């Protein structure tokens, strides 16, 4: 009789040669985490959006400013002290000086399409050698296109006026050259096409030399120098 064919393979165990099936091994699936990649991608996207928005904003503002300066051609208004009248200039027994001035300021707007609104929170002061003689304010008003406005400002004050200032003033009187400083600070709104834009502050320093400070006498302006500044 022929014997049965041998099995195709056998699993041999090291323990006494007994036949046992191979141990079952569970393959644990491995997942690659994408959390960090998604987070980094979102941050990069946000940064790109911010830069694009900033670039677009700068482009729009630049185009608007270019159009504004090309079409409207804005110019700074000019200011000039047109005249001065001394109502009172009295030295008191306590060596203080009582003064009252009337100053006329000429404001000229050279723009054809731009107006200005001058605010109430303004100040005008006259000083002699760093000593304030008097101060005052002018009313709120609107200055239209191609307009010249004469502003009369009444100022009064009482300040300490020692012997040193008295002697210096007497010397200036004798030479007919008295140096004064007129300081103007005023908030101004730019008006374009009936629309009031952002407010800024105008500073005007006017260095004057007058021939006298006698009350009820015409004051002559010998020389003048103007310095105009602007701040937001």
C-alpha atoms as a PDB file:
ATOM      1  CA  UNK A   1       0.000   0.000   0.000  1.00  0.00           C
ATOM      2  CA  UNK A   2       1.217   3.567  -0.777  1.00  0.00           C
ATOM      3  CA  UNK A   3       1.558   5.990   2.165  1.00  0.00           C
ATOM      4  CA  UNK A   4      -0.276   9.353   2.318  1.00  0.00           C
ATOM      5  CA  UNK A   5       1.649  12.378   0.999  1.00  0.00           C
ATOM      6  CA  UNK A   6       3.295  14.524   3.678  1.00  0.00           C
ATOM      7  CA  UNK A   7       1.614  17.815   4.634  1.00  0.00           C
ATOM      8  CA  UNK A   8       2.812  20.864   2.731  1.00  0.00           C
ATOM      9  CA  UNK A   9       4.295  22.413   5.898  1.00  0.00           C
ATOM     10  CA  UNK A  10       4.329  21.920   9.622  1.00  0.00           C
ATOM     11  CA  UNK A  11       4.908  24.316  12.467  1.00  0.00           C
ATOM     12  CA  UNK A  12       7.420  22.964  14.897  1.00  0.00           C
ATOM     13  CA  UNK A  13       7.609  24.137  18.450  1.00  0.00           C
ATOM     14  CA  UNK A  14      10.724  24.232  20.497  1.00  0.00           C
ATOM     15  CA  UNK A  15       8.838  22.625  23.370  1.00  0.00           C
ATOM     16  CA  UNK A  16       9.261  18.881  22.820  1.00  0.00           C
ATOM     17  CA  UNK A  17       8.545  19.166  19.171  1.00  0.00           C
ATOM     18  CA  UNK A  18       4.789  19.543  19.726  1.00  0.00           C
ATOM     19  CA  UNK A  19       2.694  21.073  16.971  1.00  0.00           C
ATOM     20  CA  UNK A  20       1.097  24.447  17.888  1.00  0.00           C
ATOM     21  CA  UNK A  21      -0.315  27.219  15.748  1.00  0.00           C
ATOM     22  CA  UNK A  22       1.715  30.427  15.593  1.00  0.00           C
ATOM     23  CA  UNK A  23       0.720  33.050  18.197  1.00  0.00           C
ATOM     24  CA  UNK A  24      -1.844  35.644  17.103  1.00  0.00           C
ATOM     25  CA  UNK A  25      -0.370  39.135  16.672  1.00  0.00           C
ATOM     26  CA  UNK A  26      -2.677  42.122  16.459  1.00  0.00           C
ATOM     27  CA  UNK A  27      -1.464  44.842  14.106  1.00  0.00           C
ATOM     28  CA  UNK A  28      -2.222  48.191  15.759  1.00  0.00           C
ATOM     29  CA  UNK A  29      -3.008  50.794  13.077  1.00  0.00           C
ATOM     30  CA  UNK A  30      -0.830  53.890  13.145  1.00  0.00           C
ATOM     31  CA  UNK A  31      -2.328  57.311  12.433  1.00  0.00           C
ATOM     32  CA  UNK A  32      -0.242  60.322  11.520  1.00  0.00           C
ATOM     33  CA  UNK A  33      -1.327  63.395  13.440  1.00  0.00           C
ATOM     34  CA  UNK A  34      -2.128  66.447  11.284  1.00  0.00           C
ATOM     35  CA  UNK A  35      -3.039  68.777  14.159  1.00  0.00           C
ATOM     36  CA  UNK A  36       0.151  70.839  13.961  1.00  0.00           C
ATOM     37  CA  UNK A  37      -0.022  71.107  10.203  1.00  0.00           C
ATOM     38  CA  UNK A  38      -3.602  72.401  10.282  1.00  0.00           C
ATOM     39  CA  UNK A  39      -2.778  74.927  13.015  1.00  0.00           C
ATOM     40  CA  UNK A  40       0.269  76.233  11.152  1.00  0.00           C
ATOM     41  CA  UNK A  41      -1.697  76.454   7.925  1.00  0.00           C
ATOM     42  CA  UNK A  42      -4.450  78.551   9.607  1.00  0.00           C
ATOM     43  CA  UNK A  43      -1.919  80.940  11.151  1.00  0.00           C
ATOM     44  CA  UNK A  44      -0.145  81.386   7.832  1.00  0.00           C
ATOM     45  CA  UNK A  45      -3.479  82.045   6.111  1.00  0.00           C
ATOM     46  CA  UNK A  46      -4.423  84.685   8.709  1.00  0.00           C
ATOM     47  CA  UNK A  47      -1.049  86.443   8.346  1.00  0.00           C
ATOM     48  CA  UNK A  48      -1.424  86.516   4.557  1.00  0.00           C
ATOM     49  CA  UNK A  49      -4.948  87.957   4.868  1.00  0.00           C
ATOM     50  CA  UNK A  50      -3.727  90.676   7.253  1.00  0.00           C
ATOM     51  CA  UNK A  51      -0.914  91.676   4.929  1.00  0.00           C
ATOM     52  CA  UNK A  52      -3.287  91.756   1.948  1.00  0.00           C
ATOM     53  CA  UNK A  53      -5.767  93.919   3.849  1.00  0.00           C
ATOM     54  CA  UNK A  54      -3.010  96.276   5.000  1.00  0.00           C
ATOM     55  CA  UNK A  55      -1.654  96.585   1.459  1.00  0.00           C
ATOM     56  CA  UNK A  56      -5.152  97.275   0.100  1.00  0.00           C
ATOM     57  CA  UNK A  57      -5.787  99.890   2.800  1.00  0.00           C
ATOM     58  CA  UNK A  58      -2.499 101.690   2.079  1.00  0.00           C
ATOM     59  CA  UNK A  59      -3.282 101.593  -1.653  1.00  0.00           C
ATOM     60  CA  UNK A  60      -6.747 103.135  -1.140  1.00  0.00           C
ATOM     61  CA  UNK A  61      -5.447 105.861   1.192  1.00  0.00           C
ATOM     62  CA  UNK A  62      -2.598 106.692  -1.193  1.00  0.00           C
ATOM     63  CA  UNK A  63      -5.014 106.937  -4.116  1.00  0.00           C
ATOM     64  CA  UNK A  64      -7.321 109.210  -2.109  1.00  0.00           C
ATOM     65  CA  UNK A  65      -4.463 111.509  -1.049  1.00  0.00           C
ATOM     66  CA  UNK A  66      -3.152 111.652  -4.602  1.00  0.00           C
ATOM     67  CA  UNK A  67      -6.608 112.601  -5.904  1.00  0.00           C
ATOM     68  CA  UNK A  68      -7.099 115.139  -3.090  1.00  0.00           C
ATOM     69  CA  UNK A  69      -3.780 116.910  -3.653  1.00  0.00           C
ATOM     70  CA  UNK A  70      -4.124 116.804  -7.442  1.00  0.00           C
ATOM     71  CA  UNK A  71      -7.699 118.076  -7.630  1.00  0.00           C
ATOM     72  CA  UNK A  72      -7.965 120.432  -4.624  1.00  0.00           C
ATOM     73  CA  UNK A  73      -4.318 121.633  -4.432  1.00  0.00           C
ATOM     74  CA  UNK A  74      -4.504 122.541  -0.719  1.00  0.00           C
ATOM     75  CA  UNK A  75      -2.542 125.516   0.622  1.00  0.00           C
ATOM     76  CA  UNK A  76      -1.937 126.730   4.141  1.00  0.00           C
ATOM     77  CA  UNK A  77      -3.795 129.922   5.111  1.00  0.00           C
ATOM     78  CA  UNK A  78      -1.619 132.928   5.902  1.00  0.00           C
ATOM     79  CA  UNK A  79      -1.807 135.178   8.950  1.00  0.00           C
ATOM     80  CA  UNK A  80      -0.602 138.713   9.609  1.00  0.00           C
ATOM     81  CA  UNK A  81      -0.954 141.208  12.441  1.00  0.00           C
ATOM     82  CA  UNK A  82      -2.536 144.124  10.645  1.00  0.00           C
ATOM     83  CA  UNK A  83      -2.692 146.622  13.476  1.00  0.00           C
ATOM     84  CA  UNK A  84      -2.487 147.151  17.232  1.00  0.00           C
ATOM     85  CA  UNK A  85      -4.105 149.646  19.586  1.00  0.00           C
ATOM     86  CA  UNK A  86      -3.120 150.142  23.240  1.00  0.00           C
ATOM     87  CA  UNK A  87      -6.193 150.891  25.357  1.00  0.00           C
ATOM     88  CA  UNK A  88      -4.376 150.757  28.712  1.00  0.00           C
ATOM     89  CA  UNK A  89      -0.750 150.470  29.810  1.00  0.00           C
ATOM     90  CA  UNK A  90      -0.640 151.406  33.495  1.00  0.00           C
ATOM     91  CA  UNK A  91       1.986 150.596  36.101  1.00  0.00           C
ATOM     92  CA  UNK A  92       0.313 149.883  39.454  1.00  0.00           C
ATOM     93  CA  UNK A  93       1.670 150.804  42.935  1.00  0.00           C
ATOM     94  CA  UNK A  94       2.540 147.126  43.543  1.00  0.00           C
ATOM     95  CA  UNK A  95       4.786 147.245  40.435  1.00  0.00           C
ATOM     96  CA  UNK A  96       2.372 145.141  38.403  1.00  0.00           C
ATOM     97  CA  UNK A  97       1.436 146.203  34.893  1.00  0.00           C
ATOM     98  CA  UNK A  98      -2.202 146.540  33.819  1.00  0.00           C
ATOM     99  CA  UNK A  99      -2.581 146.288  30.036  1.00  0.00           C
ATOM    100  CA  UNK A 100      -5.359 146.203  27.474  1.00  0.00           C
ATOM    101  CA  UNK A 101      -4.658 145.740  23.759  1.00  0.00           C
ATOM    102  CA  UNK A 102      -6.784 145.535  20.637  1.00  0.00           C
ATOM    103  CA  UNK A 103      -5.002 143.446  17.989  1.00  0.00           C
ATOM    104  CA  UNK A 104      -6.252 143.007  14.428  1.00  0.00           C
ATOM    105  CA  UNK A 105      -5.206 139.735  12.773  1.00  0.00           C
ATOM    106  CA  UNK A 106      -5.601 139.207   9.033  1.00  0.00           C
ATOM    107  CA  UNK A 107      -6.382 135.594   8.018  1.00  0.00           C
ATOM    108  CA  UNK A 108      -6.264 134.825   4.301  1.00  0.00           C
ATOM    109  CA  UNK A 109      -7.508 131.570   2.715  1.00  0.00           C
ATOM    110  CA  UNK A 110      -5.979 131.118  -0.778  1.00  0.00           C
ATOM    111  CA  UNK A 111      -7.799 127.835  -1.564  1.00  0.00           C
ATOM    112  CA  UNK A 112     -10.528 127.673  -4.203  1.00  0.00           C
ATOM    113  CA  UNK A 113     -12.302 124.535  -2.914  1.00  0.00           C
ATOM    114  CA  UNK A 114     -11.329 124.333   0.766  1.00  0.00           C
ATOM    115  CA  UNK A 115     -12.774 126.220   3.740  1.00  0.00           C
ATOM    116  CA  UNK A 116     -11.756 126.378   7.396  1.00  0.00           C
ATOM    117  CA  UNK A 117     -13.660 126.347  10.688  1.00  0.00           C
ATOM    118  CA  UNK A 118     -11.807 128.062  13.541  1.00  0.00           C
ATOM    119  CA  UNK A 119     -12.776 126.602  16.917  1.00  0.00           C
ATOM    120  CA  UNK A 120     -13.575 128.402  20.155  1.00  0.00           C
ATOM    121  CA  UNK A 121     -10.804 126.750  22.194  1.00  0.00           C
ATOM    122  CA  UNK A 122      -8.206 129.255  20.969  1.00  0.00           C
ATOM    123  CA  UNK A 123      -5.845 131.692  22.626  1.00  0.00           C
ATOM    124  CA  UNK A 124      -4.015 134.869  21.665  1.00  0.00           C
ATOM    125  CA  UNK A 125      -1.280 136.345  23.872  1.00  0.00           C
ATOM    126  CA  UNK A 126       1.151 139.277  23.696  1.00  0.00           C
ATOM    127  CA  UNK A 127       4.443 139.083  25.588  1.00  0.00           C
ATOM    128  CA  UNK A 128       7.470 141.301  26.121  1.00  0.00           C
ATOM    129  CA  UNK A 129      10.809 139.632  26.895  1.00  0.00           C
ATOM    130  CA  UNK A 130       9.127 136.349  27.998  1.00  0.00           C
ATOM    131  CA  UNK A 131       6.704 138.247  30.248  1.00  0.00           C
ATOM    132  CA  UNK A 132       3.042 137.893  29.178  1.00  0.00           C
ATOM    133  CA  UNK A 133       1.389 141.305  29.022  1.00  0.00           C
ATOM    134  CA  UNK A 134      -2.164 140.304  28.057  1.00  0.00           C
ATOM    135  CA  UNK A 135      -4.210 137.503  26.481  1.00  0.00           C
ATOM    136  CA  UNK A 136      -7.601 136.920  24.886  1.00  0.00           C
ATOM    137  CA  UNK A 137      -9.660 134.871  22.421  1.00  0.00           C
ATOM    138  CA  UNK A 138     -11.467 135.373  19.143  1.00  0.00           C
ATOM    139  CA  UNK A 139     -14.896 133.871  18.354  1.00  0.00           C
ATOM    140  CA  UNK A 140     -15.542 130.685  16.395  1.00  0.00           C
ATOM    141  CA  UNK A 141     -16.079 131.398  12.695  1.00  0.00           C
ATOM    142  CA  UNK A 142     -16.077 129.813   9.241  1.00  0.00           C
ATOM    143  CA  UNK A 143     -13.733 131.074   6.536  1.00  0.00           C
ATOM    144  CA  UNK A 144     -14.869 130.275   3.009  1.00  0.00           C
ATOM    145  CA  UNK A 145     -12.997 129.793  -0.261  1.00  0.00           C
ATOM    146  CA  UNK A 146     -10.716 132.598  -1.437  1.00  0.00           C
ATOM    147  CA  UNK A 147     -11.661 134.626   1.630  1.00  0.00           C
ATOM    148  CA  UNK A 148      -9.846 137.241   3.701  1.00  0.00           C
ATOM    149  CA  UNK A 149     -11.095 137.794   7.259  1.00  0.00           C
ATOM    150  CA  UNK A 150     -10.044 140.558   9.659  1.00  0.00           C
ATOM    151  CA  UNK A 151     -10.194 139.333  13.272  1.00  0.00           C
ATOM    152  CA  UNK A 152     -10.302 141.894  16.087  1.00  0.00           C
ATOM    153  CA  UNK A 153      -9.082 140.451  19.374  1.00  0.00           C
ATOM    154  CA  UNK A 154      -9.479 142.343  22.645  1.00  0.00           C
ATOM    155  CA  UNK A 155      -6.861 141.301  25.206  1.00  0.00           C
ATOM    156  CA  UNK A 156      -6.253 142.291  28.790  1.00  0.00           C
ATOM    157  CA  UNK A 157      -3.981 141.221  31.620  1.00  0.00           C
ATOM    158  CA  UNK A 158      -2.081 142.107  34.738  1.00  0.00           C
ATOM    159  CA  UNK A 159       1.478 140.868  35.152  1.00  0.00           C
ATOM    160  CA  UNK A 160       4.494 141.408  37.347  1.00  0.00           C
ATOM    161  CA  UNK A 161       6.732 144.083  35.859  1.00  0.00           C
ATOM    162  CA  UNK A 162       9.876 144.588  37.928  1.00  0.00           C
ATOM    163  CA  UNK A 163      12.474 147.333  37.717  1.00  0.00           C
ATOM    164  CA  UNK A 164      14.585 145.377  35.214  1.00  0.00           C
ATOM    165  CA  UNK A 165      11.722 145.135  32.703  1.00  0.00           C
ATOM    166  CA  UNK A 166      10.846 148.806  33.274  1.00  0.00           C
ATOM    167  CA  UNK A 167      14.389 149.910  32.456  1.00  0.00           C
ATOM    168  CA  UNK A 168      14.530 147.691  29.349  1.00  0.00           C
ATOM    169  CA  UNK A 169      11.148 149.030  28.174  1.00  0.00           C
ATOM    170  CA  UNK A 170      12.259 152.638  28.658  1.00  0.00           C
ATOM    171  CA  UNK A 171      15.373 151.998  26.582  1.00  0.00           C
ATOM    172  CA  UNK A 172      13.272 150.429  23.808  1.00  0.00           C
ATOM    173  CA  UNK A 173      10.858 153.361  23.929  1.00  0.00           C
ATOM    174  CA  UNK A 174      13.679 155.840  23.508  1.00  0.00           C
ATOM    175  CA  UNK A 175      14.953 154.026  20.418  1.00  0.00           C
ATOM    176  CA  UNK A 176      11.425 153.555  19.028  1.00  0.00           C
ATOM    177  CA  UNK A 177      11.863 149.786  18.746  1.00  0.00           C
ATOM    178  CA  UNK A 178       9.903 147.683  21.224  1.00  0.00           C
ATOM    179  CA  UNK A 179      10.020 143.903  20.567  1.00  0.00           C
ATOM    180  CA  UNK A 180       6.761 142.010  21.137  1.00  0.00           C
ATOM    181  CA  UNK A 181       5.709 138.415  20.520  1.00  0.00           C
ATOM    182  CA  UNK A 182       2.124 137.633  19.494  1.00  0.00           C
ATOM    183  CA  UNK A 183       1.249 133.938  19.921  1.00  0.00           C
ATOM    184  CA  UNK A 184      -1.902 132.411  18.406  1.00  0.00           C
ATOM    185  CA  UNK A 185      -3.095 128.850  19.083  1.00  0.00           C
ATOM    186  CA  UNK A 186      -6.323 127.744  17.411  1.00  0.00           C
ATOM    187  CA  UNK A 187      -8.004 124.429  16.430  1.00  0.00           C
ATOM    188  CA  UNK A 188      -8.986 124.335  12.752  1.00  0.00           C
ATOM    189  CA  UNK A 189     -11.246 121.973  10.799  1.00  0.00           C
ATOM    190  CA  UNK A 190     -10.760 121.564   7.048  1.00  0.00           C
ATOM    191  CA  UNK A 191     -14.053 121.745   5.108  1.00  0.00           C
ATOM    192  CA  UNK A 192     -14.201 120.128   1.657  1.00  0.00           C
ATOM    193  CA  UNK A 193     -17.472 120.042  -0.259  1.00  0.00           C
ATOM    194  CA  UNK A 194     -19.502 120.782   2.864  1.00  0.00           C
ATOM    195  CA  UNK A 195     -17.812 117.908   4.739  1.00  0.00           C
ATOM    196  CA  UNK A 196     -15.799 118.777   7.852  1.00  0.00           C
ATOM    197  CA  UNK A 197     -12.635 116.659   7.997  1.00  0.00           C
ATOM    198  CA  UNK A 198     -10.284 115.931  10.869  1.00  0.00           C
ATOM    199  CA  UNK A 199      -9.318 118.786  13.178  1.00  0.00           C
ATOM    200  CA  UNK A 200      -5.745 120.006  13.563  1.00  0.00           C
ATOM    201  CA  UNK A 201      -4.088 122.774  15.572  1.00  0.00           C
ATOM    202  CA  UNK A 202      -2.446 125.856  14.103  1.00  0.00           C
ATOM    203  CA  UNK A 203       0.324 127.711  15.960  1.00  0.00           C
ATOM    204  CA  UNK A 204       1.316 131.191  14.818  1.00  0.00           C
ATOM    205  CA  UNK A 205       4.235 133.066  16.369  1.00  0.00           C
ATOM    206  CA  UNK A 206       4.537 136.655  15.219  1.00  0.00           C
ATOM    207  CA  UNK A 207       7.643 138.589  16.280  1.00  0.00           C
ATOM    208  CA  UNK A 208       6.841 142.295  16.049  1.00  0.00           C
ATOM    209  CA  UNK A 209       8.819 145.443  16.591  1.00  0.00           C
ATOM    210  CA  UNK A 210       6.599 148.483  17.327  1.00  0.00           C
ATOM    211  CA  UNK A 211       7.564 152.113  17.779  1.00  0.00           C
ATOM    212  CA  UNK A 212       5.587 152.808  20.992  1.00  0.00           C
ATOM    213  CA  UNK A 213       3.053 151.431  23.480  1.00  0.00           C
ATOM    214  CA  UNK A 214       1.390 154.666  24.503  1.00  0.00           C
ATOM    215  CA  UNK A 215      -2.390 154.488  25.112  1.00  0.00           C
ATOM    216  CA  UNK A 216      -4.688 156.173  22.572  1.00  0.00           C
ATOM    217  CA  UNK A 217      -1.819 156.672  20.177  1.00  0.00           C
ATOM    218  CA  UNK A 218      -1.292 155.066  16.789  1.00  0.00           C
ATOM    219  CA  UNK A 219       1.104 152.141  16.988  1.00  0.00           C
ATOM    220  CA  UNK A 220       3.473 151.687  14.077  1.00  0.00           C
ATOM    221  CA  UNK A 221       4.798 148.223  13.199  1.00  0.00           C
ATOM    222  CA  UNK A 222       8.477 148.618  12.317  1.00  0.00           C
ATOM    223  CA  UNK A 223       9.118 144.981  11.351  1.00  0.00           C
ATOM    224  CA  UNK A 224       7.445 141.571  11.626  1.00  0.00           C
ATOM    225  CA  UNK A 225       8.394 137.912  11.285  1.00  0.00           C
ATOM    226  CA  UNK A 226       5.960 134.975  11.193  1.00  0.00           C
ATOM    227  CA  UNK A 227       6.356 131.316  12.040  1.00  0.00           C
ATOM    228  CA  UNK A 228       3.380 128.983  11.376  1.00  0.00           C
ATOM    229  CA  UNK A 229       3.186 125.394  12.621  1.00  0.00           C
ATOM    230  CA  UNK A 230       0.594 122.619  12.445  1.00  0.00           C
ATOM    231  CA  UNK A 231      -0.003 119.567  14.635  1.00  0.00           C
ATOM    232  CA  UNK A 232      -2.679 116.839  14.708  1.00  0.00           C
END
